[in-house]
Amino acid sequence: MIDIGDKREEYREIKPYWVKRFIPCTHECSNGHWSEKYFKCVLSCKAVHHHMNYYSKGLRIGPVAYVRFHRGYSKTTMLWSIADISIGKGKREWGAPDDPVIIIKLDKRYETRHG
């Protein structure tokens, strides 16, 4: 669905692995030790959106500006720019669970590589 442009969001669980990559926050929520307190901190931290989305003169500068997806288990990859990263409820029809997730909103496709 991402390959043909129908799906414009991808979801990741709120777990230390993904939080460290998308939220370079110095608050307690980035300590990497999983607990209910950690999960609540990520959901309630007022700095989370700011830390996930740095912009300068309209250009996204960090912490992550692009994402590369593999098409299934093939060597074909797609490089997309990221429009926004947020935490919330995703669309079930696109595979989001019922719990809050990290939502990666895709902006523009830059390339497709065939392995």
C-alpha atoms as a PDB file:
ATOM      1  CA  MET A   1       0.000   0.000   0.000  1.00  0.00           C
ATOM      2  CA  ILE A   2       2.927   2.358   0.674  1.00  0.00           C
ATOM      3  CA  ASP A   3       4.484   1.409  -2.671  1.00  0.00           C
ATOM      4  CA  ILE A   4       1.425   2.470  -4.675  1.00  0.00           C
ATOM      5  CA  GLY A   5       0.823   5.567  -2.523  1.00  0.00           C
ATOM      6  CA  ASP A   6      -2.422   4.468  -0.835  1.00  0.00           C
ATOM      7  CA  LYS A   7      -0.950   4.294   2.672  1.00  0.00           C
ATOM      8  CA  ARG A   8       0.732   7.518   3.856  1.00  0.00           C
ATOM      9  CA  GLU A   9       1.441   6.542   7.472  1.00  0.00           C
ATOM     10  CA  GLU A  10       3.542   3.879   9.131  1.00  0.00           C
ATOM     11  CA  TYR A  11       3.273   2.869  12.784  1.00  0.00           C
ATOM     12  CA  ARG A  12       5.778   1.848  15.426  1.00  0.00           C
ATOM     13  CA  GLU A  13       5.135   0.678  18.984  1.00  0.00           C
ATOM     14  CA  ILE A  14       6.029   2.994  21.841  1.00  0.00           C
ATOM     15  CA  LYS A  15       8.999   0.971  23.038  1.00  0.00           C
ATOM     16  CA  PRO A  16      12.529   2.051  24.044  1.00  0.00           C
ATOM     17  CA  TYR A  17      13.952   0.940  20.659  1.00  0.00           C
ATOM     18  CA  TRP A  18      11.769   3.364  18.690  1.00  0.00           C
ATOM     19  CA  VAL A  19      11.630   6.138  21.297  1.00  0.00           C
ATOM     20  CA  LYS A  20      15.454   6.391  21.253  1.00  0.00           C
ATOM     21  CA  ARG A  21      15.389   6.782  17.468  1.00  0.00           C
ATOM     22  CA  PHE A  22      12.536   9.245  17.108  1.00  0.00           C
ATOM     23  CA  ILE A  23      12.544  11.215  20.369  1.00  0.00           C
ATOM     24  CA  PRO A  24      15.998  12.545  21.299  1.00  0.00           C
ATOM     25  CA  CYS A  25      14.591  13.790  24.584  1.00  0.00           C
ATOM     26  CA  THR A  26      16.702  14.210  27.704  1.00  0.00           C
ATOM     27  CA  HIS A  27      13.724  13.654  29.975  1.00  0.00           C
ATOM     28  CA  GLU A  28      13.148  10.498  31.957  1.00  0.00           C
ATOM     29  CA  CYS A  29      11.064   9.017  29.135  1.00  0.00           C
ATOM     30  CA  SER A  30      14.211   8.327  27.105  1.00  0.00           C
ATOM     31  CA  ASN A  31      16.089   6.327  29.716  1.00  0.00           C
ATOM     32  CA  GLY A  32      15.382   3.106  27.836  1.00  0.00           C
ATOM     33  CA  HIS A  33      14.039   1.061  30.750  1.00  0.00           C
ATOM     34  CA  TRP A  34      10.589  -0.235  29.924  1.00  0.00           C
ATOM     35  CA  SER A  35       7.917   0.314  32.545  1.00  0.00           C
ATOM     36  CA  GLU A  36       4.411   1.677  32.827  1.00  0.00           C
ATOM     37  CA  LYS A  37       5.937   4.927  34.116  1.00  0.00           C
ATOM     38  CA  TYR A  38       8.113   5.124  30.981  1.00  0.00           C
ATOM     39  CA  PHE A  39       5.095   4.597  28.710  1.00  0.00           C
ATOM     40  CA  LYS A  40       3.067   7.286  30.527  1.00  0.00           C
ATOM     41  CA  CYS A  41       5.994   9.714  30.394  1.00  0.00           C
ATOM     42  CA  VAL A  42       6.257   9.356  26.608  1.00  0.00           C
ATOM     43  CA  LEU A  43       2.505   9.896  26.208  1.00  0.00           C
ATOM     44  CA  SER A  44       2.338  12.929  28.491  1.00  0.00           C
ATOM     45  CA  CYS A  45       5.704  14.639  27.843  1.00  0.00           C
ATOM     46  CA  LYS A  46       5.025  18.132  26.496  1.00  0.00           C
ATOM     47  CA  ALA A  47       8.409  18.172  24.771  1.00  0.00           C
ATOM     48  CA  VAL A  48       7.802  14.976  22.765  1.00  0.00           C
ATOM     49  CA  HIS A  49       6.325  16.586  19.638  1.00  0.00           C
ATOM     50  CA  HIS A  50       8.972  19.311  19.694  1.00  0.00           C
ATOM     51  CA  HIS A  51      11.795  16.771  19.958  1.00  0.00           C
ATOM     52  CA  MET A  52      10.394  14.601  17.161  1.00  0.00           C
ATOM     53  CA  ASN A  53       9.910  17.460  14.705  1.00  0.00           C
ATOM     54  CA  TYR A  54      12.681  20.002  14.235  1.00  0.00           C
ATOM     55  CA  TYR A  55      12.196  22.418  11.350  1.00  0.00           C
ATOM     56  CA  SER A  56      14.286  25.309  10.072  1.00  0.00           C
ATOM     57  CA  LYS A  57      12.969  27.572   7.301  1.00  0.00           C
ATOM     58  CA  GLY A  58      10.325  24.987   6.453  1.00  0.00           C
ATOM     59  CA  LEU A  59      12.803  22.101   6.087  1.00  0.00           C
ATOM     60  CA  ARG A  60      12.790  19.137   8.413  1.00  0.00           C
ATOM     61  CA  ILE A  61      16.220  18.873  10.023  1.00  0.00           C
ATOM     62  CA  GLY A  62      15.881  16.113  12.567  1.00  0.00           C
ATOM     63  CA  PRO A  63      16.072  13.796  14.272  1.00  0.00           C
ATOM     64  CA  VAL A  64      14.888  11.727  11.293  1.00  0.00           C
ATOM     65  CA  ALA A  65      14.116  13.316   7.928  1.00  0.00           C
ATOM     66  CA  TYR A  66      13.819  10.237   5.698  1.00  0.00           C
ATOM     67  CA  VAL A  67      12.705   6.631   6.002  1.00  0.00           C
ATOM     68  CA  ARG A  68      13.524   3.677   3.747  1.00  0.00           C
ATOM     69  CA  PHE A  69      11.069   0.804   3.497  1.00  0.00           C
ATOM     70  CA  HIS A  70      11.593  -2.644   2.021  1.00  0.00           C
ATOM     71  CA  ARG A  71       8.840  -3.962  -0.205  1.00  0.00           C
ATOM     72  CA  GLY A  72       7.906  -7.098   1.694  1.00  0.00           C
ATOM     73  CA  TYR A  73      10.965  -9.304   2.059  1.00  0.00           C
ATOM     74  CA  SER A  74      12.419  -8.316  -1.318  1.00  0.00           C
ATOM     75  CA  LYS A  75      15.490  -6.181  -2.018  1.00  0.00           C
ATOM     76  CA  THR A  76      13.282  -3.424  -3.469  1.00  0.00           C
ATOM     77  CA  THR A  77      13.355  -0.325  -1.257  1.00  0.00           C
ATOM     78  CA  MET A  78      11.530   2.993  -1.238  1.00  0.00           C
ATOM     79  CA  LEU A  79      12.929   6.223   0.206  1.00  0.00           C
ATOM     80  CA  TRP A  80      10.351   8.696   1.559  1.00  0.00           C
ATOM     81  CA  SER A  81      10.705  12.062   3.248  1.00  0.00           C
ATOM     82  CA  ILE A  82       8.892  12.361   6.568  1.00  0.00           C
ATOM     83  CA  ALA A  83       6.203  15.025   6.894  1.00  0.00           C
ATOM     84  CA  ASP A  84       5.612  14.573  10.616  1.00  0.00           C
ATOM     85  CA  ILE A  85       6.146  12.189  13.508  1.00  0.00           C
ATOM     86  CA  SER A  86       3.584  12.119  16.284  1.00  0.00           C
ATOM     87  CA  ILE A  87       2.080   9.892  18.934  1.00  0.00           C
ATOM     88  CA  GLY A  88      -1.552   8.907  18.710  1.00  0.00           C
ATOM     89  CA  LYS A  89      -4.031   6.384  17.386  1.00  0.00           C
ATOM     90  CA  GLY A  90      -3.413   5.200  13.847  1.00  0.00           C
ATOM     91  CA  LYS A  91      -5.868   3.939  11.274  1.00  0.00           C
ATOM     92  CA  ARG A  92      -6.904   0.338  11.861  1.00  0.00           C
ATOM     93  CA  GLU A  93      -7.390  -0.249   8.128  1.00  0.00           C
ATOM     94  CA  TRP A  94      -3.678   0.535   7.700  1.00  0.00           C
ATOM     95  CA  GLY A  95      -2.604  -1.931  10.406  1.00  0.00           C
ATOM     96  CA  ALA A  96      -2.471   0.244  13.528  1.00  0.00           C
ATOM     97  CA  PRO A  97      -3.162  -1.443  16.867  1.00  0.00           C
ATOM     98  CA  ASP A  98      -5.743  -0.102  19.326  1.00  0.00           C
ATOM     99  CA  ASP A  99      -3.060   1.366  21.602  1.00  0.00           C
ATOM    100  CA  PRO A 100      -1.284   4.682  20.955  1.00  0.00           C
ATOM    101  CA  VAL A 101       1.672   4.365  18.570  1.00  0.00           C
ATOM    102  CA  ILE A 102       4.382   6.475  16.988  1.00  0.00           C
ATOM    103  CA  ILE A 103       2.905   7.675  13.688  1.00  0.00           C
ATOM    104  CA  ILE A 104       5.324   8.375  10.842  1.00  0.00           C
ATOM    105  CA  LYS A 105       3.525  10.494   8.221  1.00  0.00           C
ATOM    106  CA  LEU A 106       5.081  10.173   4.793  1.00  0.00           C
ATOM    107  CA  ASP A 107       5.534  13.220   2.590  1.00  0.00           C
ATOM    108  CA  LYS A 108       7.214  12.630  -0.772  1.00  0.00           C
ATOM    109  CA  ARG A 109       8.795   9.602  -2.404  1.00  0.00           C
ATOM    110  CA  TYR A 110      12.348  10.207  -3.554  1.00  0.00           C
ATOM    111  CA  GLU A 111      13.464   6.936  -5.068  1.00  0.00           C
ATOM    112  CA  THR A 112      12.813   3.251  -5.525  1.00  0.00           C
ATOM    113  CA  ARG A 113      15.748   0.848  -5.734  1.00  0.00           C
ATOM    114  CA  HIS A 114      15.406  -2.621  -7.138  1.00  0.00           C
ATOM    115  CA  GLY A 115      17.937  -5.062  -5.710  1.00  0.00           C
END
